[in-house]
Amino acid sequence: MIKWWGYPGHFICASRCQFRLHTTVDGYIISTVGDMRPLHDEDGEMQPIGLGEQYFETYVFEWDGTLKDCGCCPCPTDYLEIDGKRYETALQATNGHHEYVEKYQAMKGQASHD
């Protein structure tokens, strides 16, 4: 089952990111964040996430169905990503997020036929 969430799924500075996509696919969390701005300055220049000049990233985490104490979003089994990619633009990040959703949905479907 695919579910979209309203909160970011990873990144300690996600509150500074204007771009957030967060989806669960049976057993996986797929989180994309980016367009990070200086603290308290939404009009400031976009800042790279991590090393390099990428402004967006998608990471995939394993998920056992547990929700955070607030009940508002999933809690990964751990924060060691099992897959991921970084992007320069919001369009690349959006497309990449959807590609990961399709990839992990297909993997789950293949596993259930074994």
PDB file of N, CA and C in Angstrom:
ATOM      1  N   MET A   1       0.843  -1.183   0.000  1.00  0.00           N
ATOM      2  CA  MET A   1       0.000   0.000   0.000  1.00  0.00           C
ATOM      3  C   MET A   1       0.886   1.244   0.000  1.00  0.00           C
ATOM      4  N   ILE A   2       0.548   2.213  -0.808  1.00  0.00           N
ATOM      5  CA  ILE A   2       1.266   3.478  -0.888  1.00  0.00           C
ATOM      6  C   ILE A   2       0.507   4.517  -0.066  1.00  0.00           C
ATOM      7  N   LYS A   3       1.256   5.278   0.744  1.00  0.00           N
ATOM      8  CA  LYS A   3       0.637   6.355   1.508  1.00  0.00           C
ATOM      9  C   LYS A   3       1.545   7.574   1.454  1.00  0.00           C
ATOM     10  N   TRP A   4       0.937   8.738   1.217  1.00  0.00           N
ATOM     11  CA  TRP A   4       1.660  10.010   1.209  1.00  0.00           C
ATOM     12  C   TRP A   4       1.522  10.648   2.575  1.00  0.00           C
ATOM     13  N   TRP A   5       2.595  11.256   3.071  1.00  0.00           N
ATOM     14  CA  TRP A   5       2.622  11.878   4.394  1.00  0.00           C
ATOM     15  C   TRP A   5       2.886  13.372   4.267  1.00  0.00           C
ATOM     16  N   GLY A   6       2.400  14.149   5.193  1.00  0.00           N
ATOM     17  CA  GLY A   6       2.535  15.602   5.142  1.00  0.00           C
ATOM     18  C   GLY A   6       3.786  16.166   5.770  1.00  0.00           C
ATOM     19  N   TYR A   7       4.608  15.313   6.348  1.00  0.00           N
ATOM     20  CA  TYR A   7       5.823  15.768   7.008  1.00  0.00           C
ATOM     21  C   TYR A   7       7.041  15.160   6.321  1.00  0.00           C
ATOM     22  N   PRO A   8       8.199  15.822   6.429  1.00  0.00           N
ATOM     23  CA  PRO A   8       9.410  15.229   5.841  1.00  0.00           C
ATOM     24  C   PRO A   8       9.777  13.937   6.558  1.00  0.00           C
ATOM     25  N   GLY A   9      10.401  13.020   5.843  1.00  0.00           N
ATOM     26  CA  GLY A   9      10.737  11.727   6.417  1.00  0.00           C
ATOM     27  C   GLY A   9      12.168  11.603   6.912  1.00  0.00           C
ATOM     28  N   HIS A  10      12.999  12.591   6.635  1.00  0.00           N
ATOM     29  CA  HIS A  10      14.388  12.549   7.102  1.00  0.00           C
ATOM     30  C   HIS A  10      15.003  13.943   7.014  1.00  0.00           C
ATOM     31  N   PHE A  11      16.186  14.083   7.492  1.00  0.00           N
ATOM     32  CA  PHE A  11      17.051  15.254   7.400  1.00  0.00           C
ATOM     33  C   PHE A  11      16.831  16.175   8.593  1.00  0.00           C
ATOM     34  N   ILE A  12      17.887  16.337   9.356  1.00  0.00           N
ATOM     35  CA  ILE A  12      17.815  17.117  10.591  1.00  0.00           C
ATOM     36  C   ILE A  12      17.424  18.578  10.353  1.00  0.00           C
ATOM     37  N   CYS A  13      17.716  19.108   9.174  1.00  0.00           N
ATOM     38  CA  CYS A  13      17.356  20.496   8.849  1.00  0.00           C
ATOM     39  C   CYS A  13      16.118  20.574   7.952  1.00  0.00           C
ATOM     40  N   ALA A  14      15.288  19.553   7.960  1.00  0.00           N
ATOM     41  CA  ALA A  14      14.116  19.521   7.080  1.00  0.00           C
ATOM     42  C   ALA A  14      13.173  20.698   7.329  1.00  0.00           C
ATOM     43  N   SER A  15      13.162  21.249   8.528  1.00  0.00           N
ATOM     44  CA  SER A  15      12.293  22.394   8.808  1.00  0.00           C
ATOM     45  C   SER A  15      12.694  23.617   7.982  1.00  0.00           C
ATOM     46  N   ARG A  16      13.920  23.636   7.478  1.00  0.00           N
ATOM     47  CA  ARG A  16      14.399  24.740   6.634  1.00  0.00           C
ATOM     48  C   ARG A  16      14.187  24.453   5.151  1.00  0.00           C
ATOM     49  N   CYS A  17      13.676  23.281   4.814  1.00  0.00           N
ATOM     50  CA  CYS A  17      13.471  22.886   3.413  1.00  0.00           C
ATOM     51  C   CYS A  17      12.067  23.258   2.956  1.00  0.00           C
ATOM     52  N   GLN A  18      12.001  23.918   1.815  1.00  0.00           N
ATOM     53  CA  GLN A  18      10.712  24.300   1.248  1.00  0.00           C
ATOM     54  C   GLN A  18      10.083  23.144   0.462  1.00  0.00           C
ATOM     55  N   PHE A  19      10.896  22.182   0.066  1.00  0.00           N
ATOM     56  CA  PHE A  19      10.467  21.065  -0.774  1.00  0.00           C
ATOM     57  C   PHE A  19      10.495  19.792   0.056  1.00  0.00           C
ATOM     58  N   ARG A  20       9.343  19.086   0.108  1.00  0.00           N
ATOM     59  CA  ARG A  20       9.251  17.862   0.903  1.00  0.00           C
ATOM     60  C   ARG A  20       8.274  16.888   0.256  1.00  0.00           C
ATOM     61  N   LEU A  21       8.748  15.693  -0.020  1.00  0.00           N
ATOM     62  CA  LEU A  21       7.886  14.596  -0.455  1.00  0.00           C
ATOM     63  C   LEU A  21       8.189  13.414   0.460  1.00  0.00           C
ATOM     64  N   HIS A  22       7.162  12.706   0.886  1.00  0.00           N
ATOM     65  CA  HIS A  22       7.345  11.624   1.853  1.00  0.00           C
ATOM     66  C   HIS A  22       6.278  10.564   1.590  1.00  0.00           C
ATOM     67  N   THR A  23       6.729   9.379   1.241  1.00  0.00           N
ATOM     68  CA  THR A  23       5.825   8.301   0.849  1.00  0.00           C
ATOM     69  C   THR A  23       6.255   7.011   1.523  1.00  0.00           C
ATOM     70  N   THR A  24       5.290   6.215   1.930  1.00  0.00           N
ATOM     71  CA  THR A  24       5.607   4.860   2.376  1.00  0.00           C
ATOM     72  C   THR A  24       5.039   3.872   1.364  1.00  0.00           C
ATOM     73  N   VAL A  25       5.848   2.845   1.095  1.00  0.00           N
ATOM     74  CA  VAL A  25       5.464   1.723   0.253  1.00  0.00           C
ATOM     75  C   VAL A  25       5.783   0.499   1.096  1.00  0.00           C
ATOM     76  N   ASP A  26       4.829  -0.375   1.290  1.00  0.00           N
ATOM     77  CA  ASP A  26       4.976  -1.538   2.168  1.00  0.00           C
ATOM     78  C   ASP A  26       6.424  -1.866   2.519  1.00  0.00           C
ATOM     79  N   GLY A  27       6.819  -1.541   3.736  1.00  0.00           N
ATOM     80  CA  GLY A  27       8.139  -1.878   4.232  1.00  0.00           C
ATOM     81  C   GLY A  27       9.226  -0.852   3.963  1.00  0.00           C
ATOM     82  N   TYR A  28       8.883   0.258   3.294  1.00  0.00           N
ATOM     83  CA  TYR A  28       9.893   1.261   2.956  1.00  0.00           C
ATOM     84  C   TYR A  28       9.362   2.677   3.140  1.00  0.00           C
ATOM     85  N   ILE A  29      10.250   3.569   3.554  1.00  0.00           N
ATOM     86  CA  ILE A  29       9.988   5.002   3.593  1.00  0.00           C
ATOM     87  C   ILE A  29      10.821   5.635   2.491  1.00  0.00           C
ATOM     88  N   ILE A  30      10.189   6.466   1.673  1.00  0.00           N
ATOM     89  CA  ILE A  30      10.887   7.193   0.619  1.00  0.00           C
ATOM     90  C   ILE A  30      10.691   8.671   0.921  1.00  0.00           C
ATOM     91  N   SER A  31      11.800   9.350   1.191  1.00  0.00           N
ATOM     92  CA  SER A  31      11.745  10.739   1.617  1.00  0.00           C
ATOM     93  C   SER A  31      12.617  11.603   0.715  1.00  0.00           C
ATOM     94  N   THR A  32      12.049  12.703   0.239  1.00  0.00           N
ATOM     95  CA  THR A  32      12.784  13.662  -0.577  1.00  0.00           C
ATOM     96  C   THR A  32      12.637  15.041   0.048  1.00  0.00           C
ATOM     97  N   VAL A  33      13.752  15.721   0.239  1.00  0.00           N
ATOM     98  CA  VAL A  33      13.755  17.079   0.782  1.00  0.00           C
ATOM     99  C   VAL A  33      14.686  17.941  -0.067  1.00  0.00           C
ATOM    100  N   GLY A  34      14.523  19.254   0.056  1.00  0.00           N
ATOM    101  CA  GLY A  34      15.405  20.156  -0.663  1.00  0.00           C
ATOM    102  C   GLY A  34      14.916  21.584  -0.626  1.00  0.00           C
ATOM    103  N   ASP A  35      15.544  22.428  -1.432  1.00  0.00           N
ATOM    104  CA  ASP A  35      15.279  23.857  -1.448  1.00  0.00           C
ATOM    105  C   ASP A  35      15.428  24.416  -0.039  1.00  0.00           C
ATOM    106  N   MET A  36      16.583  24.114   0.567  1.00  0.00           N
ATOM    107  CA  MET A  36      16.870  24.560   1.937  1.00  0.00           C
ATOM    108  C   MET A  36      17.264  26.036   1.910  1.00  0.00           C
ATOM    109  N   ARG A  37      16.690  26.795   2.810  1.00  0.00           N
ATOM    110  CA  ARG A  37      16.940  28.238   2.899  1.00  0.00           C
ATOM    111  C   ARG A  37      17.608  28.571   4.231  1.00  0.00           C
ATOM    112  N   PRO A  38      18.281  29.719   4.304  1.00  0.00           N
ATOM    113  CA  PRO A  38      18.867  30.129   5.580  1.00  0.00           C
ATOM    114  C   PRO A  38      17.780  30.221   6.652  1.00  0.00           C
ATOM    115  N   LEU A  39      18.151  29.924   7.854  1.00  0.00           N
ATOM    116  CA  LEU A  39      17.207  29.945   8.970  1.00  0.00           C
ATOM    117  C   LEU A  39      16.465  31.282   9.034  1.00  0.00           C
ATOM    118  N   HIS A  40      15.154  31.237   9.119  1.00  0.00           N
ATOM    119  CA  HIS A  40      14.271  32.401   9.237  1.00  0.00           C
ATOM    120  C   HIS A  40      14.379  33.357   8.051  1.00  0.00           C
ATOM    121  N   ASP A  41      14.724  32.850   6.869  1.00  0.00           N
ATOM    122  CA  ASP A  41      14.872  33.709   5.694  1.00  0.00           C
ATOM    123  C   ASP A  41      14.409  32.953   4.455  1.00  0.00           C
ATOM    124  N   GLU A  42      13.086  32.837   4.280  1.00  0.00           N
ATOM    125  CA  GLU A  42      12.534  32.084   3.153  1.00  0.00           C
ATOM    126  C   GLU A  42      12.910  32.695   1.811  1.00  0.00           C
ATOM    127  N   ASP A  43      13.257  33.989   1.798  1.00  0.00           N
ATOM    128  CA  ASP A  43      13.638  34.643   0.554  1.00  0.00           C
ATOM    129  C   ASP A  43      15.136  34.525   0.277  1.00  0.00           C
ATOM    130  N   GLY A  44      15.886  33.959   1.203  1.00  0.00           N
ATOM    131  CA  GLY A  44      17.325  33.817   1.026  1.00  0.00           C
ATOM    132  C   GLY A  44      17.649  32.823  -0.078  1.00  0.00           C
ATOM    133  N   GLU A  45      18.897  32.795  -0.466  1.00  0.00           N
ATOM    134  CA  GLU A  45      19.345  31.915  -1.538  1.00  0.00           C
ATOM    135  C   GLU A  45      19.333  30.452  -1.102  1.00  0.00           C
ATOM    136  N   MET A  46      18.937  29.575  -2.014  1.00  0.00           N
ATOM    137  CA  MET A  46      18.903  28.141  -1.734  1.00  0.00           C
ATOM    138  C   MET A  46      20.305  27.656  -1.372  1.00  0.00           C
ATOM    139  N   GLN A  47      20.378  26.790  -0.348  1.00  0.00           N
ATOM    140  CA  GLN A  47      21.651  26.255   0.103  1.00  0.00           C
ATOM    141  C   GLN A  47      21.774  24.788  -0.282  1.00  0.00           C
ATOM    142  N   PRO A  48      22.975  24.347  -0.651  1.00  0.00           N
ATOM    143  CA  PRO A  48      23.165  22.919  -0.955  1.00  0.00           C
ATOM    144  C   PRO A  48      22.920  22.066   0.284  1.00  0.00           C
ATOM    145  N   ILE A  49      22.515  20.834   0.045  1.00  0.00           N
ATOM    146  CA  ILE A  49      22.364  19.860   1.121  1.00  0.00           C
ATOM    147  C   ILE A  49      23.592  18.961   1.070  1.00  0.00           C
ATOM    148  N   GLY A  50      24.353  18.929   2.130  1.00  0.00           N
ATOM    149  CA  GLY A  50      25.553  18.095   2.161  1.00  0.00           C
ATOM    150  C   GLY A  50      26.653  18.679   1.298  1.00  0.00           C
ATOM    151  N   LEU A  51      27.540  17.816   0.841  1.00  0.00           N
ATOM    152  CA  LEU A  51      28.664  18.249   0.019  1.00  0.00           C
ATOM    153  C   LEU A  51      28.234  18.433  -1.430  1.00  0.00           C
ATOM    154  N   GLY A  52      28.895  19.312  -2.134  1.00  0.00           N
ATOM    155  CA  GLY A  52      28.594  19.502  -3.546  1.00  0.00           C
ATOM    156  C   GLY A  52      27.544  20.563  -3.770  1.00  0.00           C
ATOM    157  N   GLU A  53      27.002  20.574  -4.965  1.00  0.00           N
ATOM    158  CA  GLU A  53      26.024  21.587  -5.359  1.00  0.00           C
ATOM    159  C   GLU A  53      24.632  21.006  -5.572  1.00  0.00           C
ATOM    160  N   GLN A  54      24.317  19.903  -4.932  1.00  0.00           N
ATOM    161  CA  GLN A  54      22.971  19.351  -5.038  1.00  0.00           C
ATOM    162  C   GLN A  54      22.089  20.003  -3.971  1.00  0.00           C
ATOM    163  N   TYR A  55      20.901  20.358  -4.390  1.00  0.00           N
ATOM    164  CA  TYR A  55      19.986  21.080  -3.508  1.00  0.00           C
ATOM    165  C   TYR A  55      18.813  20.224  -3.037  1.00  0.00           C
ATOM    166  N   PHE A  56      18.746  18.980  -3.513  1.00  0.00           N
ATOM    167  CA  PHE A  56      17.650  18.071  -3.179  1.00  0.00           C
ATOM    168  C   PHE A  56      18.220  16.674  -2.997  1.00  0.00           C
ATOM    169  N   GLU A  57      17.545  15.861  -2.175  1.00  0.00           N
ATOM    170  CA  GLU A  57      17.979  14.469  -2.026  1.00  0.00           C
ATOM    171  C   GLU A  57      16.798  13.585  -1.702  1.00  0.00           C
ATOM    172  N   THR A  58      16.888  12.348  -2.170  1.00  0.00           N
ATOM    173  CA  THR A  58      15.916  11.307  -1.840  1.00  0.00           C
ATOM    174  C   THR A  58      16.666  10.181  -1.165  1.00  0.00           C
ATOM    175  N   TYR A  59      16.130   9.714  -0.046  1.00  0.00           N
ATOM    176  CA  TYR A  59      16.680   8.543   0.617  1.00  0.00           C
ATOM    177  C   TYR A  59      15.553   7.565   0.911  1.00  0.00           C
ATOM    178  N   VAL A  60      15.916   6.286   0.899  1.00  0.00           N
ATOM    179  CA  VAL A  60      14.972   5.203   1.176  1.00  0.00           C
ATOM    180  C   VAL A  60      15.434   4.514   2.452  1.00  0.00           C
ATOM    181  N   PHE A  61      14.475   4.246   3.337  1.00  0.00           N
ATOM    182  CA  PHE A  61      14.740   3.582   4.611  1.00  0.00           C
ATOM    183  C   PHE A  61      13.807   2.389   4.768  1.00  0.00           C
ATOM    184  N   GLU A  62      14.255   1.381   5.487  1.00  0.00           N
ATOM    185  CA  GLU A  62      13.362   0.258   5.813  1.00  0.00           C
ATOM    186  C   GLU A  62      12.381   0.715   6.878  1.00  0.00           C
ATOM    187  N   TRP A  63      11.185   0.130   6.838  1.00  0.00           N
ATOM    188  CA  TRP A  63      10.117   0.540   7.744  1.00  0.00           C
ATOM    189  C   TRP A  63       9.306  -0.670   8.159  1.00  0.00           C
ATOM    190  N   ASP A  64       9.082  -0.809   9.471  1.00  0.00           N
ATOM    191  CA  ASP A  64       8.320  -1.947   9.986  1.00  0.00           C
ATOM    192  C   ASP A  64       6.867  -1.593  10.304  1.00  0.00           C
ATOM    193  N   GLY A  65       6.430  -0.406   9.888  1.00  0.00           N
ATOM    194  CA  GLY A  65       5.048   0.018  10.121  1.00  0.00           C
ATOM    195  C   GLY A  65       4.868   0.871  11.356  1.00  0.00           C
ATOM    196  N   THR A  66       5.936   1.086  12.112  1.00  0.00           N
ATOM    197  CA  THR A  66       5.858   1.881  13.339  1.00  0.00           C
ATOM    198  C   THR A  66       5.688   3.357  13.015  1.00  0.00           C
ATOM    199  N   LEU A  67       4.801   4.014  13.777  1.00  0.00           N
ATOM    200  CA  LEU A  67       4.633   5.465  13.656  1.00  0.00           C
ATOM    201  C   LEU A  67       5.334   6.144  14.824  1.00  0.00           C
ATOM    202  N   LYS A  68       5.736   7.387  14.641  1.00  0.00           N
ATOM    203  CA  LYS A  68       6.316   8.167  15.733  1.00  0.00           C
ATOM    204  C   LYS A  68       5.267   8.330  16.812  1.00  0.00           C
ATOM    205  N   ASP A  69       5.678   8.715  18.014  1.00  0.00           N
ATOM    206  CA  ASP A  69       4.757   8.852  19.143  1.00  0.00           C
ATOM    207  C   ASP A  69       3.578   9.770  18.839  1.00  0.00           C
ATOM    208  N   CYS A  70       3.809  10.766  18.004  1.00  0.00           N
ATOM    209  CA  CYS A  70       2.735  11.700  17.649  1.00  0.00           C
ATOM    210  C   CYS A  70       1.678  11.042  16.763  1.00  0.00           C
ATOM    211  N   GLY A  71       2.044   9.924  16.127  1.00  0.00           N
ATOM    212  CA  GLY A  71       1.128   9.230  15.231  1.00  0.00           C
ATOM    213  C   GLY A  71       0.965   9.889  13.876  1.00  0.00           C
ATOM    214  N   CYS A  72       1.740  10.957  13.630  1.00  0.00           N
ATOM    215  CA  CYS A  72       1.566  11.736  12.399  1.00  0.00           C
ATOM    216  C   CYS A  72       2.456  11.287  11.254  1.00  0.00           C
ATOM    217  N   CYS A  73       3.467  10.461  11.532  1.00  0.00           N
ATOM    218  CA  CYS A  73       4.355  10.052  10.450  1.00  0.00           C
ATOM    219  C   CYS A  73       5.121   8.786  10.835  1.00  0.00           C
ATOM    220  N   PRO A  74       5.577   8.054   9.829  1.00  0.00           N
ATOM    221  CA  PRO A  74       6.273   6.789  10.070  1.00  0.00           C
ATOM    222  C   PRO A  74       7.667   6.996  10.649  1.00  0.00           C
ATOM    223  N   CYS A  75       8.089   6.028  11.414  1.00  0.00           N
ATOM    224  CA  CYS A  75       9.415   6.030  12.019  1.00  0.00           C
ATOM    225  C   CYS A  75      10.228   4.904  11.380  1.00  0.00           C
ATOM    226  N   PRO A  76      11.332   5.232  10.699  1.00  0.00           N
ATOM    227  CA  PRO A  76      12.113   4.173  10.052  1.00  0.00           C
ATOM    228  C   PRO A  76      12.670   3.178  11.054  1.00  0.00           C
ATOM    229  N   THR A  77      12.929   1.971  10.582  1.00  0.00           N
ATOM    230  CA  THR A  77      13.552   0.960  11.428  1.00  0.00           C
ATOM    231  C   THR A  77      14.849   1.515  11.992  1.00  0.00           C
ATOM    232  N   ASP A  78      15.636   2.188  11.150  1.00  0.00           N
ATOM    233  CA  ASP A  78      16.776   2.999  11.576  1.00  0.00           C
ATOM    234  C   ASP A  78      17.015   4.023  10.480  1.00  0.00           C
ATOM    235  N   TYR A  79      17.888   4.973  10.748  1.00  0.00           N
ATOM    236  CA  TYR A  79      18.124   6.033   9.767  1.00  0.00           C
ATOM    237  C   TYR A  79      19.321   5.752   8.861  1.00  0.00           C
ATOM    238  N   LEU A  80      19.632   4.495   8.647  1.00  0.00           N
ATOM    239  CA  LEU A  80      20.660   4.113   7.682  1.00  0.00           C
ATOM    240  C   LEU A  80      19.971   3.872   6.348  1.00  0.00           C
ATOM    241  N   GLU A  81      20.151   4.799   5.425  1.00  0.00           N
ATOM    242  CA  GLU A  81      19.461   4.684   4.146  1.00  0.00           C
ATOM    243  C   GLU A  81      19.942   3.462   3.377  1.00  0.00           C
ATOM    244  N   ILE A  82      19.017   2.838   2.658  1.00  0.00           N
ATOM    245  CA  ILE A  82      19.364   1.667   1.855  1.00  0.00           C
ATOM    246  C   ILE A  82      19.481   2.009   0.375  1.00  0.00           C
ATOM    247  N   ASP A  83      19.053   3.216   0.020  1.00  0.00           N
ATOM    248  CA  ASP A  83      19.106   3.659  -1.369  1.00  0.00           C
ATOM    249  C   ASP A  83      18.983   5.176  -1.343  1.00  0.00           C
ATOM    250  N   GLY A  84      19.388   5.825  -2.404  1.00  0.00           N
ATOM    251  CA  GLY A  84      19.223   7.270  -2.443  1.00  0.00           C
ATOM    252  C   GLY A  84      19.933   7.919  -3.601  1.00  0.00           C
ATOM    253  N   LYS A  85      19.567   9.165  -3.805  1.00  0.00           N
ATOM    254  CA  LYS A  85      20.156   9.946  -4.894  1.00  0.00           C
ATOM    255  C   LYS A  85      19.987  11.424  -4.573  1.00  0.00           C
ATOM    256  N   ARG A  86      20.907  12.221  -5.113  1.00  0.00           N
ATOM    257  CA  ARG A  86      20.861  13.664  -4.920  1.00  0.00           C
ATOM    258  C   ARG A  86      20.603  14.340  -6.269  1.00  0.00           C
ATOM    259  N   TYR A  87      20.002  15.529  -6.219  1.00  0.00           N
ATOM    260  CA  TYR A  87      19.571  16.217  -7.433  1.00  0.00           C
ATOM    261  C   TYR A  87      19.896  17.704  -7.356  1.00  0.00           C
ATOM    262  N   GLU A  88      19.908  18.335  -8.516  1.00  0.00           N
ATOM    263  CA  GLU A  88      20.149  19.775  -8.580  1.00  0.00           C
ATOM    264  C   GLU A  88      18.857  20.582  -8.665  1.00  0.00           C
ATOM    265  N   THR A  89      17.773  20.001  -9.194  1.00  0.00           N
ATOM    266  CA  THR A  89      16.534  20.764  -9.393  1.00  0.00           C
ATOM    267  C   THR A  89      15.332  20.071  -8.751  1.00  0.00           C
ATOM    268  N   ALA A  90      14.291  20.868  -8.527  1.00  0.00           N
ATOM    269  CA  ALA A  90      13.050  20.336  -7.962  1.00  0.00           C
ATOM    270  C   ALA A  90      12.389  19.342  -8.916  1.00  0.00           C
ATOM    271  N   LEU A  91      12.462  19.593 -10.206  1.00  0.00           N
ATOM    272  CA  LEU A  91      11.872  18.670 -11.177  1.00  0.00           C
ATOM    273  C   LEU A  91      12.579  17.324 -11.139  1.00  0.00           C
ATOM    274  N   GLN A  92      13.911  17.337 -11.101  1.00  0.00           N
ATOM    275  CA  GLN A  92      14.663  16.080 -10.987  1.00  0.00           C
ATOM    276  C   GLN A  92      14.291  15.357  -9.692  1.00  0.00           C
ATOM    277  N   ALA A  93      14.175  16.102  -8.593  1.00  0.00           N
ATOM    278  CA  ALA A  93      13.837  15.498  -7.301  1.00  0.00           C
ATOM    279  C   ALA A  93      12.434  14.893  -7.313  1.00  0.00           C
ATOM    280  N   THR A  94      11.489  15.594  -7.914  1.00  0.00           N
ATOM    281  CA  THR A  94      10.115  15.075  -8.006  1.00  0.00           C
ATOM    282  C   THR A  94      10.085  13.788  -8.823  1.00  0.00           C
ATOM    283  N   ASN A  95      10.715  13.833  -9.986  1.00  0.00           N
ATOM    284  CA  ASN A  95      10.751  12.635 -10.838  1.00  0.00           C
ATOM    285  C   ASN A  95      11.482  11.495 -10.145  1.00  0.00           C
ATOM    286  N   GLY A  96      12.594  11.811  -9.489  1.00  0.00           N
ATOM    287  CA  GLY A  96      13.361  10.791  -8.774  1.00  0.00           C
ATOM    288  C   GLY A  96      12.556  10.159  -7.651  1.00  0.00           C
ATOM    289  N   HIS A  97      11.811  10.960  -6.910  1.00  0.00           N
ATOM    290  CA  HIS A  97      10.975  10.442  -5.825  1.00  0.00           C
ATOM    291  C   HIS A  97       9.965   9.438  -6.378  1.00  0.00           C
ATOM    292  N   HIS A  98       9.291   9.824  -7.448  1.00  0.00           N
ATOM    293  CA  HIS A  98       8.293   8.933  -8.050  1.00  0.00           C
ATOM    294  C   HIS A  98       8.931   7.657  -8.606  1.00  0.00           C
ATOM    295  N   GLU A  99      10.128   7.775  -9.144  1.00  0.00           N
ATOM    296  CA  GLU A  99      10.834   6.583  -9.631  1.00  0.00           C
ATOM    297  C   GLU A  99      11.144   5.622  -8.485  1.00  0.00           C
ATOM    298  N   TYR A 100      11.554   6.154  -7.332  1.00  0.00           N
ATOM    299  CA  TYR A 100      11.811   5.289  -6.180  1.00  0.00           C
ATOM    300  C   TYR A 100      10.519   4.638  -5.680  1.00  0.00           C
ATOM    301  N   VAL A 101       9.417   5.389  -5.671  1.00  0.00           N
ATOM    302  CA  VAL A 101       8.133   4.799  -5.264  1.00  0.00           C
ATOM    303  C   VAL A 101       7.801   3.624  -6.183  1.00  0.00           C
ATOM    304  N   GLU A 102       7.918   3.824  -7.479  1.00  0.00           N
ATOM    305  CA  GLU A 102       7.632   2.742  -8.434  1.00  0.00           C
ATOM    306  C   GLU A 102       8.589   1.570  -8.257  1.00  0.00           C
ATOM    307  N   LYS A 103       9.866   1.856  -8.061  1.00  0.00           N
ATOM    308  CA  LYS A 103      10.878   0.805  -7.882  1.00  0.00           C
ATOM    309  C   LYS A 103      10.554  -0.071  -6.673  1.00  0.00           C
ATOM    310  N   TYR A 104      10.259   0.552  -5.531  1.00  0.00           N
ATOM    311  CA  TYR A 104      10.020  -0.232  -4.321  1.00  0.00           C
ATOM    312  C   TYR A 104       8.639  -0.867  -4.311  1.00  0.00           C
ATOM    313  N   GLN A 105       7.703  -0.287  -5.004  1.00  0.00           N
ATOM    314  CA  GLN A 105       6.404  -0.941  -5.164  1.00  0.00           C
ATOM    315  C   GLN A 105       6.572  -2.193  -6.008  1.00  0.00           C
ATOM    316  N   ALA A 106       7.346  -2.107  -7.078  1.00  0.00           N
ATOM    317  CA  ALA A 106       7.593  -3.263  -7.947  1.00  0.00           C
ATOM    318  C   ALA A 106       8.371  -4.341  -7.208  1.00  0.00           C
ATOM    319  N   MET A 107       9.347  -3.947  -6.395  1.00  0.00           N
ATOM    320  CA  MET A 107      10.125  -4.927  -5.624  1.00  0.00           C
ATOM    321  C   MET A 107       9.229  -5.679  -4.656  1.00  0.00           C
ATOM    322  N   LYS A 108       8.323  -4.986  -4.018  1.00  0.00           N
ATOM    323  CA  LYS A 108       7.406  -5.620  -3.076  1.00  0.00           C
ATOM    324  C   LYS A 108       6.503  -6.588  -3.819  1.00  0.00           C
ATOM    325  N   GLY A 109       6.025  -6.182  -4.995  1.00  0.00           N
ATOM    326  CA  GLY A 109       5.185  -7.057  -5.801  1.00  0.00           C
ATOM    327  C   GLY A 109       5.904  -8.301  -6.249  1.00  0.00           C
ATOM    328  N   GLN A 110       7.177  -8.177  -6.621  1.00  0.00           N
ATOM    329  CA  GLN A 110       7.969  -9.336  -7.024  1.00  0.00           C
ATOM    330  C   GLN A 110       8.209 -10.270  -5.847  1.00  0.00           C
ATOM    331  N   ALA A 111       8.475  -9.694  -4.684  1.00  0.00           N
ATOM    332  CA  ALA A 111       8.762 -10.516  -3.502  1.00  0.00           C
ATOM    333  C   ALA A 111       7.540 -11.333  -3.099  1.00  0.00           C
ATOM    334  N   SER A 112       6.328 -10.764  -3.292  1.00  0.00           N
ATOM    335  CA  SER A 112       5.128 -11.481  -2.870  1.00  0.00           C
ATOM    336  C   SER A 112       4.786 -12.642  -3.802  1.00  0.00           C
ATOM    337  N   HIS A 113       5.412 -12.696  -4.980  1.00  0.00           N
ATOM    338  CA  HIS A 113       5.145 -13.782  -5.910  1.00  0.00           C
ATOM    339  C   HIS A 113       6.124 -14.952  -5.762  1.00  0.00           C
ATOM    340  N   ASP A 114       7.119 -14.805  -4.893  1.00  0.00           N
ATOM    341  CA  ASP A 114       8.116 -15.868  -4.704  1.00  0.00           C
ATOM    342  C   ASP A 114       7.556 -17.034  -3.907  1.00  0.00           C
TER     343      ASP A 114
END
